[in-house]
């Protein structure tokens, strides 16, 4: 329901947050000991406070984007959510699972609480990827290296099959990835994950970015969002309200009344005079002659009580009501005059209230139908 409330969605930028619940991506238990897990929780207390509701919502959101090809840019946690949504896995703690097994010169500090925004580490950019094109003017002497910020103790372990890496840290950690089959911003295609935050890569006490390429990720993402929106609008035909002449309008109102009577019959269990059967037949005949209704039309007709396709069903319901009436007469025949008087007073009052409420609802239906 929460995701539905955001429709229509033309693009998703997802970033930052706590660790993702390991049960969502790991089939096997981690090799970390109980003591190591406790130390991780102590060192990264704010990150290890798992929010399962958030995980559920964000994973569903990522999958929605993948199903519809909605432009998606995942930053930091957002990139991890994207990888998990596609079947990838995560390293639960880089320090415990990677760094301790590497030589000193290959270890990378991915989280520095004492220098949160100022901390940087080198990454190697993969050639002919979007990241390469964005930062190519800043790559010195063909080294294919830039320095990025880092605020995480987890990262990609197994990259989902659909993705291609765009950059690696010296310890081998994937720092960026994308889906080459879903990347063409001009056509509204953009599925990407970045472990670092280009928008926060700014020089100290300045709004100036470390590299001109820092803004390109967002510019290309927005380009894709706008293109996707235009593409969506071009495939959605908005029909102008149909203007009916006097004769057609009269027929339309007769059909609307037929559906309203049918709804009242099914919802309220009210009985009708035999002369009303012809009114019900009008709606049934309309449904039988219109077998190719749109989903919107069928939904609207269902709301108006058009739940059957022939008059015989209506008549069957009328016979059921006659049987109920016979039983009611039999029960009331055994009641005292006082009981019958109280019962009559009560139902007169209820009948009056029902008539008033029903009249209002029918008027509302007529107004809605005219708008429809």
Foldseek 3Di string as FASTA:
>chain_A
DVVVVPPPALEEEAEDDADEDQVLADPDDDPDDPVRVVVVCVVPVRRPPYDHVVLVVLLVVLVVCVVVLRAYEYEAVGQVSNQSSLRFHKDPFCVVPFQVPDPPVQHDDQADPVQQLNDKAKKAFDPPDPLCVLFVVVDPPPRRMDIFHHHDGMATDGGRPQKDAGIAGSSGGGQKIFRPVQDDLQQLGHGIYGNTQLCSQADPPDNHHPGSSSCVVVVSSVSSSVNSVVVVVVVDDDDDDDDDDPVVVVLVVLLLVLLQVLQCCVPVVDADDPVCLVSVQSNLVVCVVCVPDDPVVVVLSVVSNSPDNHSVVVVVSNVVSVVVVVVVVVVVVPDDPVVVVVVVVVVVVVVVVVVVVSVVVSVVSVVVVSVD
